[in-house]
Amino acid sequence: MQADLFPYRLPLVSPIATGSSVIADRRGVLVRLRADGVEGWGDAAPLPGWPGGDYDEVEAALRAWVDVPDADLSSAPIAAAAVDVALADLGARRSDRPLAAALADHPAESVPVNALIVETDPAGAAAGAVDAVAQGYTTLKLKVGAHPIADDARRMRAVRAAVGDDIALRIDANRGWSVGDAREGLAVAVDVDVEYVEEPTADPVDWEELRRYFPVPIAVDESGADPTAAAALIDGGAVDVVIVKLPPLGGVTSALALAARARAAGLGVVVTSFLDNAVGLHAALHVAGALGPDQPAAGLATAAVLARDVGPMPVITAGRIAVPTTPGLGFAPDVSVLRK
């Protein structure tokens, strides 16, 4: 089997603030594996503030793996994820099956996705929510925690009033609330019937108390970014929903294992992207499809953040994305884009 690496830097349409960092582009490495005339693709693109290493560490780990293919990548999960996805894509193509069908006996034909409401003022958020519902979305996600809690409360109430009671509403604090803010925010979340809140505070220890007083499910994302941390939170009964992102978890294999563990504990599972390019987003889509038809909306409506991509992104129709029916990921990236 031959392995090739394609470093890249893809600009975002607009910079995105995540914690203490501002991301203006996505820098990573595409991995191509070839055997018997068949290719498999994976992607390694670290995000600031997430475990798995920075770009230099990820690239170095992949180059070491190319030199010694059985090298241990357990300490470099984002590099390991790229190899794991490429192997899964290669195997599915060789068996002439879509990746989702290679991962599960009865995959979903399409996956519902949530719309992200990005407007920061109540009127704008309400208008954005109405527009998303008009496009067919039935689940909305609202970012909170970056502004005063009173502003977050107004936006939550404005969105719910604008779309009515039949639309699912999620909120994501990205660990940005203090415990006091979280209490205020969750009181509003109860009033507006929030499906769940992601990462309400920076310390999961706080969540047990919050869950006792506020009947709003809590979802783990950043705090469970590696399999060990996620498993501890699942086994400790600290969360209600597990957000599954392939790169920091180490790829398709570990993501599905974590999803199975969460479901066995009676928890919800939501597959989301990692600000991925088309390779990573297709891989996440196939994993979401492998989880079956009866699942909450995935967080995969992120294609628009990239100003340039390595291939076509999945098309969203009426709030759903069809799982590709062609072998493997369903497409091969265009590496000529990387030279632009």
C-alpha atoms as a PDB file:
ATOM      1  CA  MET A   1       0.000   0.000   0.000  1.00  0.00           C
ATOM      2  CA  GLN A   2       1.306   3.426  -0.966  1.00  0.00           C
ATOM      3  CA  ALA A   3       0.705   6.516   1.195  1.00  0.00           C
ATOM      4  CA  ASP A   4       0.905  10.111  -0.002  1.00  0.00           C
ATOM      5  CA  LEU A   5       0.498  13.346   1.933  1.00  0.00           C
ATOM      6  CA  PHE A   6      -0.905  16.641   0.617  1.00  0.00           C
ATOM      7  CA  PRO A   7      -0.429  19.613   2.969  1.00  0.00           C
ATOM      8  CA  TYR A   8      -2.913  22.446   2.454  1.00  0.00           C
ATOM      9  CA  ARG A   9      -4.223  25.756   3.723  1.00  0.00           C
ATOM     10  CA  LEU A  10      -7.852  26.596   2.866  1.00  0.00           C
ATOM     11  CA  PRO A  11      -9.177  30.089   3.669  1.00  0.00           C
ATOM     12  CA  LEU A  12     -12.396  30.652   5.566  1.00  0.00           C
ATOM     13  CA  VAL A  13     -15.051  33.005   4.257  1.00  0.00           C
ATOM     14  CA  SER A  14     -14.773  34.965   7.520  1.00  0.00           C
ATOM     15  CA  PRO A  15     -12.552  34.489  10.584  1.00  0.00           C
ATOM     16  CA  ILE A  16     -14.109  32.427  13.382  1.00  0.00           C
ATOM     17  CA  ALA A  17     -13.391  33.063  17.084  1.00  0.00           C
ATOM     18  CA  THR A  18     -13.006  29.926  19.203  1.00  0.00           C
ATOM     19  CA  GLY A  19     -12.057  30.580  22.803  1.00  0.00           C
ATOM     20  CA  SER A  20      -8.815  32.588  22.834  1.00  0.00           C
ATOM     21  CA  SER A  21      -8.021  32.011  19.151  1.00  0.00           C
ATOM     22  CA  VAL A  22      -9.252  33.439  15.876  1.00  0.00           C
ATOM     23  CA  ILE A  23      -9.190  31.027  12.935  1.00  0.00           C
ATOM     24  CA  ALA A  24      -8.761  32.554   9.477  1.00  0.00           C
ATOM     25  CA  ASP A  25      -8.071  29.335   7.580  1.00  0.00           C
ATOM     26  CA  ARG A  26      -7.993  25.564   7.942  1.00  0.00           C
ATOM     27  CA  ARG A  27      -4.508  24.123   7.686  1.00  0.00           C
ATOM     28  CA  GLY A  28      -4.066  20.393   7.445  1.00  0.00           C
ATOM     29  CA  VAL A  29      -2.843  17.373   5.513  1.00  0.00           C
ATOM     30  CA  LEU A  30      -4.810  15.114   3.186  1.00  0.00           C
ATOM     31  CA  VAL A  31      -3.807  11.461   3.331  1.00  0.00           C
ATOM     32  CA  ARG A  32      -4.143   9.251   0.249  1.00  0.00           C
ATOM     33  CA  LEU A  33      -3.726   5.498   0.464  1.00  0.00           C
ATOM     34  CA  ARG A  34      -3.481   3.426  -2.737  1.00  0.00           C
ATOM     35  CA  ALA A  35      -3.668  -0.323  -3.163  1.00  0.00           C
ATOM     36  CA  ASP A  36      -4.504  -2.408  -6.235  1.00  0.00           C
ATOM     37  CA  GLY A  37      -5.500   0.669  -8.201  1.00  0.00           C
ATOM     38  CA  VAL A  38      -7.967   1.884  -5.514  1.00  0.00           C
ATOM     39  CA  GLU A  39      -7.615   5.044  -3.435  1.00  0.00           C
ATOM     40  CA  GLY A  40      -8.776   5.954   0.058  1.00  0.00           C
ATOM     41  CA  TRP A  41      -8.695   9.463   1.524  1.00  0.00           C
ATOM     42  CA  GLY A  42      -8.491  10.937   4.995  1.00  0.00           C
ATOM     43  CA  ASP A  43      -7.896  14.394   6.429  1.00  0.00           C
ATOM     44  CA  ALA A  44      -5.895  15.731   9.381  1.00  0.00           C
ATOM     45  CA  ALA A  45      -6.702  19.333  10.300  1.00  0.00           C
ATOM     46  CA  PRO A  46      -6.142  20.306  13.961  1.00  0.00           C
ATOM     47  CA  LEU A  47      -8.111  23.118  15.593  1.00  0.00           C
ATOM     48  CA  PRO A  48      -6.593  25.564  18.106  1.00  0.00           C
ATOM     49  CA  GLY A  49      -7.686  24.783  21.645  1.00  0.00           C
ATOM     50  CA  TRP A  50      -8.495  21.135  20.929  1.00  0.00           C
ATOM     51  CA  PRO A  51      -6.366  18.121  21.826  1.00  0.00           C
ATOM     52  CA  GLY A  52      -4.601  16.129  19.163  1.00  0.00           C
ATOM     53  CA  GLY A  53      -1.618  18.371  18.482  1.00  0.00           C
ATOM     54  CA  ASP A  54      -0.945  21.485  16.407  1.00  0.00           C
ATOM     55  CA  TYR A  55      -0.300  21.435  12.669  1.00  0.00           C
ATOM     56  CA  ASP A  56       3.451  20.810  12.922  1.00  0.00           C
ATOM     57  CA  GLU A  57       2.926  17.905  15.325  1.00  0.00           C
ATOM     58  CA  VAL A  58       0.210  16.347  13.183  1.00  0.00           C
ATOM     59  CA  GLU A  59       2.240  16.633   9.985  1.00  0.00           C
ATOM     60  CA  ALA A  60       5.327  15.204  11.689  1.00  0.00           C
ATOM     61  CA  ALA A  61       3.322  12.256  13.023  1.00  0.00           C
ATOM     62  CA  LEU A  62       1.946  11.512   9.569  1.00  0.00           C
ATOM     63  CA  ARG A  63       5.370  11.723   7.900  1.00  0.00           C
ATOM     64  CA  ALA A  64       6.761   9.351  10.515  1.00  0.00           C
ATOM     65  CA  TRP A  65       3.859   6.986   9.823  1.00  0.00           C
ATOM     66  CA  VAL A  66       4.540   7.090   6.068  1.00  0.00           C
ATOM     67  CA  ASP A  67       8.148   6.090   6.773  1.00  0.00           C
ATOM     68  CA  VAL A  68       7.085   3.365   9.229  1.00  0.00           C
ATOM     69  CA  PRO A  69       3.471   2.391   8.454  1.00  0.00           C
ATOM     70  CA  ASP A  70       2.990   0.445  11.690  1.00  0.00           C
ATOM     71  CA  ALA A  71       4.204   3.392  13.793  1.00  0.00           C
ATOM     72  CA  ASP A  72       2.040   4.098  16.848  1.00  0.00           C
ATOM     73  CA  LEU A  73      -0.291   7.077  16.311  1.00  0.00           C
ATOM     74  CA  SER A  74      -2.153   6.757  19.609  1.00  0.00           C
ATOM     75  CA  SER A  75      -0.588   9.972  20.924  1.00  0.00           C
ATOM     76  CA  ALA A  76      -1.604  11.854  17.749  1.00  0.00           C
ATOM     77  CA  PRO A  77      -5.367  11.249  17.396  1.00  0.00           C
ATOM     78  CA  ILE A  78      -5.939  13.721  14.572  1.00  0.00           C
ATOM     79  CA  ALA A  79      -3.206  12.091  12.500  1.00  0.00           C
ATOM     80  CA  ALA A  80      -4.600   8.685  13.480  1.00  0.00           C
ATOM     81  CA  ALA A  81      -8.078   9.786  12.399  1.00  0.00           C
ATOM     82  CA  ALA A  82      -6.841  10.705   8.923  1.00  0.00           C
ATOM     83  CA  VAL A  83      -5.252   7.269   8.491  1.00  0.00           C
ATOM     84  CA  ASP A  84      -8.301   5.508   9.945  1.00  0.00           C
ATOM     85  CA  VAL A  85     -10.701   7.326   7.607  1.00  0.00           C
ATOM     86  CA  ALA A  86      -8.447   6.689   4.600  1.00  0.00           C
ATOM     87  CA  LEU A  87      -8.307   2.970   5.438  1.00  0.00           C
ATOM     88  CA  ALA A  88     -12.086   2.873   5.879  1.00  0.00           C
ATOM     89  CA  ASP A  89     -12.617   4.697   2.577  1.00  0.00           C
ATOM     90  CA  LEU A  90     -10.184   2.359   0.824  1.00  0.00           C
ATOM     91  CA  GLY A  91     -11.850  -0.734   2.253  1.00  0.00           C
ATOM     92  CA  ALA A  92     -15.337   0.436   1.304  1.00  0.00           C
ATOM     93  CA  ARG A  93     -14.241   1.270  -2.241  1.00  0.00           C
ATOM     94  CA  ARG A  94     -12.594  -2.127  -2.628  1.00  0.00           C
ATOM     95  CA  SER A  95     -15.833  -3.805  -1.544  1.00  0.00           C
ATOM     96  CA  ASP A  96     -17.819  -1.486  -3.862  1.00  0.00           C
ATOM     97  CA  ARG A  97     -19.948  -0.174  -1.001  1.00  0.00           C
ATOM     98  CA  PRO A  98     -20.645   3.302   0.388  1.00  0.00           C
ATOM     99  CA  LEU A  99     -18.739   3.812   3.619  1.00  0.00           C
ATOM    100  CA  ALA A 100     -21.948   3.989   5.697  1.00  0.00           C
ATOM    101  CA  ALA A 101     -23.050   0.617   4.295  1.00  0.00           C
ATOM    102  CA  ALA A 102     -19.636  -0.835   5.128  1.00  0.00           C
ATOM    103  CA  LEU A 103     -19.997   0.422   8.710  1.00  0.00           C
ATOM    104  CA  ALA A 104     -23.586  -0.673   9.399  1.00  0.00           C
ATOM    105  CA  ASP A 105     -26.106  -3.161   8.061  1.00  0.00           C
ATOM    106  CA  HIS A 106     -28.956  -0.667   7.871  1.00  0.00           C
ATOM    107  CA  PRO A 107     -27.591   2.864   7.468  1.00  0.00           C
ATOM    108  CA  ALA A 108     -29.833   5.892   7.106  1.00  0.00           C
ATOM    109  CA  GLU A 109     -30.518   7.116   3.590  1.00  0.00           C
ATOM    110  CA  SER A 110     -30.332  10.708   4.779  1.00  0.00           C
ATOM    111  CA  VAL A 111     -29.371  12.556   7.944  1.00  0.00           C
ATOM    112  CA  PRO A 112     -31.174  15.552   9.476  1.00  0.00           C
ATOM    113  CA  VAL A 113     -28.919  18.490  10.304  1.00  0.00           C
ATOM    114  CA  ASN A 114     -29.263  21.565  12.481  1.00  0.00           C
ATOM    115  CA  ALA A 115     -28.992  25.131  11.243  1.00  0.00           C
ATOM    116  CA  LEU A 116     -26.566  27.383  13.111  1.00  0.00           C
ATOM    117  CA  ILE A 117     -28.014  30.777  14.011  1.00  0.00           C
ATOM    118  CA  VAL A 118     -25.048  33.161  13.960  1.00  0.00           C
ATOM    119  CA  GLU A 119     -26.695  36.556  14.448  1.00  0.00           C
ATOM    120  CA  THR A 120     -25.759  38.183  17.753  1.00  0.00           C
ATOM    121  CA  ASP A 121     -28.753  40.499  18.267  1.00  0.00           C
ATOM    122  CA  PRO A 122     -32.261  39.271  19.153  1.00  0.00           C
ATOM    123  CA  ALA A 123     -33.973  40.628  16.031  1.00  0.00           C
ATOM    124  CA  GLY A 124     -31.280  39.294  13.738  1.00  0.00           C
ATOM    125  CA  ALA A 125     -31.279  35.895  15.453  1.00  0.00           C
ATOM    126  CA  ALA A 126     -35.059  35.701  15.136  1.00  0.00           C
ATOM    127  CA  ALA A 127     -34.882  36.581  11.446  1.00  0.00           C
ATOM    128  CA  GLY A 128     -32.132  34.028  10.855  1.00  0.00           C
ATOM    129  CA  ALA A 129     -34.179  31.374  12.624  1.00  0.00           C
ATOM    130  CA  VAL A 130     -37.280  32.119  10.541  1.00  0.00           C
ATOM    131  CA  ASP A 131     -35.205  31.909   7.365  1.00  0.00           C
ATOM    132  CA  ALA A 132     -33.720  28.551   8.411  1.00  0.00           C
ATOM    133  CA  VAL A 133     -37.163  27.119   9.141  1.00  0.00           C
ATOM    134  CA  ALA A 134     -38.367  28.349   5.746  1.00  0.00           C
ATOM    135  CA  GLN A 135     -35.500  26.353   4.180  1.00  0.00           C
ATOM    136  CA  GLY A 136     -36.777  23.186   5.870  1.00  0.00           C
ATOM    137  CA  TYR A 137     -34.653  22.961   9.010  1.00  0.00           C
ATOM    138  CA  THR A 138     -36.478  21.581  12.038  1.00  0.00           C
ATOM    139  CA  THR A 139     -33.560  21.936  14.483  1.00  0.00           C
ATOM    140  CA  LEU A 140     -31.739  25.180  15.260  1.00  0.00           C
ATOM    141  CA  LYS A 141     -28.523  25.768  17.204  1.00  0.00           C
ATOM    142  CA  LEU A 142     -27.775  29.065  18.916  1.00  0.00           C
ATOM    143  CA  LYS A 143     -24.311  30.020  20.175  1.00  0.00           C
ATOM    144  CA  VAL A 144     -24.273  31.664  23.609  1.00  0.00           C
ATOM    145  CA  GLY A 145     -21.629  32.518  26.187  1.00  0.00           C
ATOM    146  CA  ALA A 146     -19.696  35.162  24.262  1.00  0.00           C
ATOM    147  CA  HIS A 147     -21.929  38.064  25.348  1.00  0.00           C
ATOM    148  CA  PRO A 148     -23.592  39.127  28.615  1.00  0.00           C
ATOM    149  CA  ILE A 149     -26.084  36.589  29.898  1.00  0.00           C
ATOM    150  CA  ALA A 150     -28.926  39.073  29.532  1.00  0.00           C
ATOM    151  CA  ASP A 151     -28.190  39.268  25.800  1.00  0.00           C
ATOM    152  CA  ASP A 152     -28.112  35.474  25.542  1.00  0.00           C
ATOM    153  CA  ALA A 153     -31.482  35.302  27.284  1.00  0.00           C
ATOM    154  CA  ARG A 154     -33.033  37.822  24.914  1.00  0.00           C
ATOM    155  CA  ARG A 155     -31.770  35.930  21.888  1.00  0.00           C
ATOM    156  CA  MET A 156     -33.074  32.600  23.160  1.00  0.00           C
ATOM    157  CA  ARG A 157     -36.501  34.070  23.832  1.00  0.00           C
ATOM    158  CA  ALA A 158     -36.555  35.915  20.488  1.00  0.00           C
ATOM    159  CA  VAL A 159     -35.729  32.770  18.507  1.00  0.00           C
ATOM    160  CA  ARG A 160     -38.330  30.651  20.279  1.00  0.00           C
ATOM    161  CA  ALA A 161     -41.000  33.327  19.816  1.00  0.00           C
ATOM    162  CA  ALA A 162     -40.131  33.609  16.132  1.00  0.00           C
ATOM    163  CA  VAL A 163     -40.296  29.905  15.233  1.00  0.00           C
ATOM    164  CA  GLY A 164     -42.945  28.548  17.591  1.00  0.00           C
ATOM    165  CA  ASP A 165     -42.946  25.417  19.688  1.00  0.00           C
ATOM    166  CA  ASP A 166     -42.493  22.729  17.032  1.00  0.00           C
ATOM    167  CA  ILE A 167     -38.865  23.554  16.167  1.00  0.00           C
ATOM    168  CA  ALA A 168     -36.088  21.998  18.260  1.00  0.00           C
ATOM    169  CA  LEU A 169     -33.712  24.572  19.749  1.00  0.00           C
ATOM    170  CA  ARG A 170     -30.207  23.823  21.010  1.00  0.00           C
ATOM    171  CA  ILE A 171     -27.783  26.179  22.699  1.00  0.00           C
ATOM    172  CA  ASP A 172     -24.006  25.936  22.835  1.00  0.00           C
ATOM    173  CA  ALA A 173     -22.088  27.925  25.451  1.00  0.00           C
ATOM    174  CA  ASN A 174     -18.661  26.586  24.424  1.00  0.00           C
ATOM    175  CA  ARG A 175     -17.693  26.630  28.135  1.00  0.00           C
ATOM    176  CA  GLY A 176     -18.261  30.397  28.148  1.00  0.00           C
ATOM    177  CA  TRP A 177     -20.705  30.767  31.036  1.00  0.00           C
ATOM    178  CA  SER A 178     -19.769  31.138  34.676  1.00  0.00           C
ATOM    179  CA  VAL A 179     -21.769  28.992  37.080  1.00  0.00           C
ATOM    180  CA  GLY A 180     -23.931  32.014  37.886  1.00  0.00           C
ATOM    181  CA  ASP A 181     -24.517  32.740  34.213  1.00  0.00           C
ATOM    182  CA  ALA A 182     -25.314  29.086  33.611  1.00  0.00           C
ATOM    183  CA  ARG A 183     -28.000  29.152  36.278  1.00  0.00           C
ATOM    184  CA  GLU A 184     -29.617  32.192  34.657  1.00  0.00           C
ATOM    185  CA  GLY A 185     -29.221  30.779  31.160  1.00  0.00           C
ATOM    186  CA  LEU A 186     -30.647  27.382  32.028  1.00  0.00           C
ATOM    187  CA  ALA A 187     -33.630  28.980  33.745  1.00  0.00           C
ATOM    188  CA  VAL A 188     -34.412  30.652  30.426  1.00  0.00           C
ATOM    189  CA  ALA A 189     -33.651  27.408  28.576  1.00  0.00           C
ATOM    190  CA  VAL A 190     -36.357  25.686  30.627  1.00  0.00           C
ATOM    191  CA  ASP A 191     -38.841  28.414  29.684  1.00  0.00           C
ATOM    192  CA  VAL A 192     -38.095  28.191  25.955  1.00  0.00           C
ATOM    193  CA  ASP A 193     -37.883  24.377  25.890  1.00  0.00           C
ATOM    194  CA  VAL A 194     -34.256  23.879  24.831  1.00  0.00           C
ATOM    195  CA  GLU A 195     -33.394  20.381  23.550  1.00  0.00           C
ATOM    196  CA  TYR A 196     -29.975  20.490  25.235  1.00  0.00           C
ATOM    197  CA  VAL A 197     -27.149  22.839  26.153  1.00  0.00           C
ATOM    198  CA  GLU A 198     -23.574  22.096  25.134  1.00  0.00           C
ATOM    199  CA  GLU A 199     -20.725  22.751  27.552  1.00  0.00           C
ATOM    200  CA  PRO A 200     -22.471  25.263  29.827  1.00  0.00           C
ATOM    201  CA  THR A 201     -19.331  25.901  31.918  1.00  0.00           C
ATOM    202  CA  ALA A 202     -15.644  25.097  31.615  1.00  0.00           C
ATOM    203  CA  ASP A 203     -15.676  22.480  34.384  1.00  0.00           C
ATOM    204  CA  PRO A 204     -17.884  19.380  34.032  1.00  0.00           C
ATOM    205  CA  VAL A 205     -17.905  19.158  37.830  1.00  0.00           C
ATOM    206  CA  ASP A 206     -20.402  22.046  37.752  1.00  0.00           C
ATOM    207  CA  TRP A 207     -22.795  20.153  35.534  1.00  0.00           C
ATOM    208  CA  GLU A 208     -24.020  17.692  38.153  1.00  0.00           C
ATOM    209  CA  GLU A 209     -25.418  20.549  40.243  1.00  0.00           C
ATOM    210  CA  LEU A 210     -26.885  22.292  37.212  1.00  0.00           C
ATOM    211  CA  ARG A 211     -28.634  19.094  36.118  1.00  0.00           C
ATOM    212  CA  ARG A 212     -30.135  18.681  39.599  1.00  0.00           C
ATOM    213  CA  TYR A 213     -31.808  22.075  39.521  1.00  0.00           C
ATOM    214  CA  PHE A 214     -32.576  22.588  35.836  1.00  0.00           C
ATOM    215  CA  PRO A 215     -34.258  19.883  33.723  1.00  0.00           C
ATOM    216  CA  VAL A 216     -32.248  20.714  30.621  1.00  0.00           C
ATOM    217  CA  PRO A 217     -30.075  17.930  29.135  1.00  0.00           C
ATOM    218  CA  ILE A 218     -26.356  18.721  29.028  1.00  0.00           C
ATOM    219  CA  ALA A 219     -24.181  17.732  26.078  1.00  0.00           C
ATOM    220  CA  VAL A 220     -20.445  17.135  26.256  1.00  0.00           C
ATOM    221  CA  ASP A 221     -18.251  18.360  23.403  1.00  0.00           C
ATOM    222  CA  GLU A 222     -14.845  19.918  24.156  1.00  0.00           C
ATOM    223  CA  SER A 223     -14.658  18.337  27.612  1.00  0.00           C
ATOM    224  CA  GLY A 224     -14.965  14.891  26.038  1.00  0.00           C
ATOM    225  CA  ALA A 225     -12.789  15.499  23.022  1.00  0.00           C
ATOM    226  CA  ASP A 226     -10.673  12.404  23.617  1.00  0.00           C
ATOM    227  CA  PRO A 227     -12.112   8.902  24.129  1.00  0.00           C
ATOM    228  CA  THR A 228     -10.848   8.563  27.715  1.00  0.00           C
ATOM    229  CA  ALA A 229     -12.391  11.828  28.904  1.00  0.00           C
ATOM    230  CA  ALA A 230     -15.644  11.144  27.076  1.00  0.00           C
ATOM    231  CA  ALA A 231     -15.893   7.631  28.496  1.00  0.00           C
ATOM    232  CA  ALA A 232     -15.333   8.933  32.038  1.00  0.00           C
ATOM    233  CA  LEU A 233     -18.167  11.454  31.676  1.00  0.00           C
ATOM    234  CA  ILE A 234     -20.474   8.812  30.187  1.00  0.00           C
ATOM    235  CA  ASP A 235     -19.690   6.258  32.883  1.00  0.00           C
ATOM    236  CA  GLY A 236     -19.959   8.888  35.614  1.00  0.00           C
ATOM    237  CA  GLY A 237     -23.468   9.855  34.570  1.00  0.00           C
ATOM    238  CA  ALA A 238     -22.422  13.488  34.126  1.00  0.00           C
ATOM    239  CA  VAL A 239     -24.040  14.128  30.736  1.00  0.00           C
ATOM    240  CA  ASP A 240     -27.150  13.400  28.718  1.00  0.00           C
ATOM    241  CA  VAL A 241     -25.856  13.829  25.153  1.00  0.00           C
ATOM    242  CA  VAL A 242     -22.451  13.058  23.613  1.00  0.00           C
ATOM    243  CA  ILE A 243     -21.175  15.159  20.706  1.00  0.00           C
ATOM    244  CA  VAL A 244     -19.057  13.001  18.387  1.00  0.00           C
ATOM    245  CA  LYS A 245     -16.302  14.618  16.300  1.00  0.00           C
ATOM    246  CA  LEU A 246     -14.145  12.182  14.335  1.00  0.00           C
ATOM    247  CA  PRO A 247     -10.716  13.926  14.297  1.00  0.00           C
ATOM    248  CA  PRO A 248     -10.034  14.355  18.030  1.00  0.00           C
ATOM    249  CA  LEU A 249     -11.516  10.930  18.777  1.00  0.00           C
ATOM    250  CA  GLY A 250      -9.149   9.212  16.332  1.00  0.00           C
ATOM    251  CA  GLY A 251     -11.422   8.457  13.381  1.00  0.00           C
ATOM    252  CA  VAL A 252     -14.337   6.308  12.288  1.00  0.00           C
ATOM    253  CA  THR A 253     -13.557   3.287  14.454  1.00  0.00           C
ATOM    254  CA  SER A 254     -13.246   5.111  17.767  1.00  0.00           C
ATOM    255  CA  ALA A 255     -16.166   7.451  16.993  1.00  0.00           C
ATOM    256  CA  LEU A 256     -18.512   4.524  16.425  1.00  0.00           C
ATOM    257  CA  ALA A 257     -17.222   2.804  19.563  1.00  0.00           C
ATOM    258  CA  LEU A 258     -17.911   5.928  21.628  1.00  0.00           C
ATOM    259  CA  ALA A 259     -21.365   6.306  20.070  1.00  0.00           C
ATOM    260  CA  ALA A 260     -22.167   2.690  20.970  1.00  0.00           C
ATOM    261  CA  ARG A 261     -20.977   3.227  24.542  1.00  0.00           C
ATOM    262  CA  ALA A 262     -23.111   6.365  24.882  1.00  0.00           C
ATOM    263  CA  ARG A 263     -26.189   4.676  23.476  1.00  0.00           C
ATOM    264  CA  ALA A 264     -25.721   1.692  25.765  1.00  0.00           C
ATOM    265  CA  ALA A 265     -25.817   4.144  28.673  1.00  0.00           C
ATOM    266  CA  GLY A 266     -29.085   5.602  27.365  1.00  0.00           C
ATOM    267  CA  LEU A 267     -27.513   8.845  26.146  1.00  0.00           C
ATOM    268  CA  GLY A 268     -28.138  10.768  22.956  1.00  0.00           C
ATOM    269  CA  VAL A 269     -25.456  10.937  20.262  1.00  0.00           C
ATOM    270  CA  VAL A 270     -24.970  13.836  17.842  1.00  0.00           C
ATOM    271  CA  VAL A 271     -22.296  13.654  15.130  1.00  0.00           C
ATOM    272  CA  THR A 272     -20.818  17.042  14.245  1.00  0.00           C
ATOM    273  CA  SER A 273     -18.108  18.385  11.984  1.00  0.00           C
ATOM    274  CA  PHE A 274     -14.725  19.784  13.036  1.00  0.00           C
ATOM    275  CA  LEU A 275     -14.857  22.743  10.636  1.00  0.00           C
ATOM    276  CA  ASP A 276     -13.953  20.061   8.122  1.00  0.00           C
ATOM    277  CA  ASN A 277     -13.264  20.217   4.423  1.00  0.00           C
ATOM    278  CA  ALA A 278     -15.194  17.929   2.067  1.00  0.00           C
ATOM    279  CA  VAL A 279     -13.177  14.829   3.047  1.00  0.00           C
ATOM    280  CA  GLY A 280     -13.790  15.224   6.765  1.00  0.00           C
ATOM    281  CA  LEU A 281     -17.413  16.246   6.331  1.00  0.00           C
ATOM    282  CA  HIS A 282     -18.193  13.262   4.106  1.00  0.00           C
ATOM    283  CA  ALA A 283     -16.566  10.948   6.656  1.00  0.00           C
ATOM    284  CA  ALA A 284     -18.692  12.426   9.453  1.00  0.00           C
ATOM    285  CA  LEU A 285     -21.796  12.128   7.267  1.00  0.00           C
ATOM    286  CA  HIS A 286     -21.179   8.424   6.708  1.00  0.00           C
ATOM    287  CA  VAL A 287     -20.690   7.857  10.438  1.00  0.00           C
ATOM    288  CA  ALA A 288     -23.945   9.699  11.131  1.00  0.00           C
ATOM    289  CA  GLY A 289     -25.621   7.564   8.490  1.00  0.00           C
ATOM    290  CA  ALA A 290     -24.221   4.401  10.064  1.00  0.00           C
ATOM    291  CA  LEU A 291     -25.990   5.287  13.321  1.00  0.00           C
ATOM    292  CA  GLY A 292     -29.310   4.672  11.588  1.00  0.00           C
ATOM    293  CA  PRO A 293     -32.406   6.640  10.655  1.00  0.00           C
ATOM    294  CA  ASP A 294     -33.744   7.432  14.142  1.00  0.00           C
ATOM    295  CA  GLN A 295     -31.296   9.982  15.471  1.00  0.00           C
ATOM    296  CA  PRO A 296     -31.217  13.661  16.410  1.00  0.00           C
ATOM    297  CA  ALA A 297     -30.070  16.229  13.881  1.00  0.00           C
ATOM    298  CA  ALA A 298     -26.330  16.146  13.189  1.00  0.00           C
ATOM    299  CA  GLY A 299     -24.111  19.217  13.236  1.00  0.00           C
ATOM    300  CA  LEU A 300     -22.938  18.919   9.644  1.00  0.00           C
ATOM    301  CA  ALA A 301     -24.248  22.107   8.019  1.00  0.00           C
ATOM    302  CA  THR A 302     -20.812  23.770   8.072  1.00  0.00           C
ATOM    303  CA  ALA A 303     -19.746  23.720   4.423  1.00  0.00           C
ATOM    304  CA  ALA A 304     -20.247  27.451   3.966  1.00  0.00           C
ATOM    305  CA  VAL A 305     -17.380  28.396   6.301  1.00  0.00           C
ATOM    306  CA  LEU A 306     -14.729  27.559   3.672  1.00  0.00           C
ATOM    307  CA  ALA A 307     -14.014  29.948   0.823  1.00  0.00           C
ATOM    308  CA  ARG A 308     -12.378  27.115  -1.136  1.00  0.00           C
ATOM    309  CA  ASP A 309     -12.628  23.362  -0.744  1.00  0.00           C
ATOM    310  CA  VAL A 310     -11.113  20.143  -2.072  1.00  0.00           C
ATOM    311  CA  GLY A 311     -14.373  18.841  -3.496  1.00  0.00           C
ATOM    312  CA  PRO A 312     -18.141  19.230  -3.487  1.00  0.00           C
ATOM    313  CA  MET A 313     -19.762  19.461  -0.094  1.00  0.00           C
ATOM    314  CA  PRO A 314     -22.896  17.419   0.642  1.00  0.00           C
ATOM    315  CA  VAL A 315     -26.056  19.235  -0.436  1.00  0.00           C
ATOM    316  CA  ILE A 316     -28.616  20.142   2.220  1.00  0.00           C
ATOM    317  CA  THR A 317     -32.223  19.766   1.097  1.00  0.00           C
ATOM    318  CA  ALA A 318     -35.076  20.616   3.455  1.00  0.00           C
ATOM    319  CA  GLY A 319     -32.786  20.302   6.457  1.00  0.00           C
ATOM    320  CA  ARG A 320     -31.367  16.888   5.486  1.00  0.00           C
ATOM    321  CA  ILE A 321     -28.258  15.552   3.737  1.00  0.00           C
ATOM    322  CA  ALA A 322     -28.470  12.408   1.625  1.00  0.00           C
ATOM    323  CA  VAL A 323     -25.843   9.797   2.494  1.00  0.00           C
ATOM    324  CA  PRO A 324     -23.827   9.082  -0.696  1.00  0.00           C
ATOM    325  CA  THR A 325     -24.632   5.812  -2.431  1.00  0.00           C
ATOM    326  CA  THR A 326     -21.402   5.538  -4.441  1.00  0.00           C
ATOM    327  CA  PRO A 327     -18.423   3.577  -3.064  1.00  0.00           C
ATOM    328  CA  GLY A 328     -16.352   4.838  -0.163  1.00  0.00           C
ATOM    329  CA  LEU A 329     -16.748   8.461   0.856  1.00  0.00           C
ATOM    330  CA  GLY A 330     -18.629   9.112  -2.361  1.00  0.00           C
ATOM    331  CA  PHE A 331     -16.063  11.372  -4.046  1.00  0.00           C
ATOM    332  CA  ALA A 332     -12.326  11.900  -4.453  1.00  0.00           C
ATOM    333  CA  PRO A 333     -10.776  15.260  -3.560  1.00  0.00           C
ATOM    334  CA  ASP A 334      -9.234  17.533  -6.175  1.00  0.00           C
ATOM    335  CA  VAL A 335      -5.707  18.166  -4.941  1.00  0.00           C
ATOM    336  CA  SER A 336      -5.107  20.782  -7.646  1.00  0.00           C
ATOM    337  CA  VAL A 337      -7.174  23.118  -5.449  1.00  0.00           C
ATOM    338  CA  LEU A 338      -4.396  22.987  -2.879  1.00  0.00           C
ATOM    339  CA  ARG A 339      -1.979  24.789  -5.196  1.00  0.00           C
ATOM    340  CA  LYS A 340      -4.195  27.853  -5.614  1.00  0.00           C
END
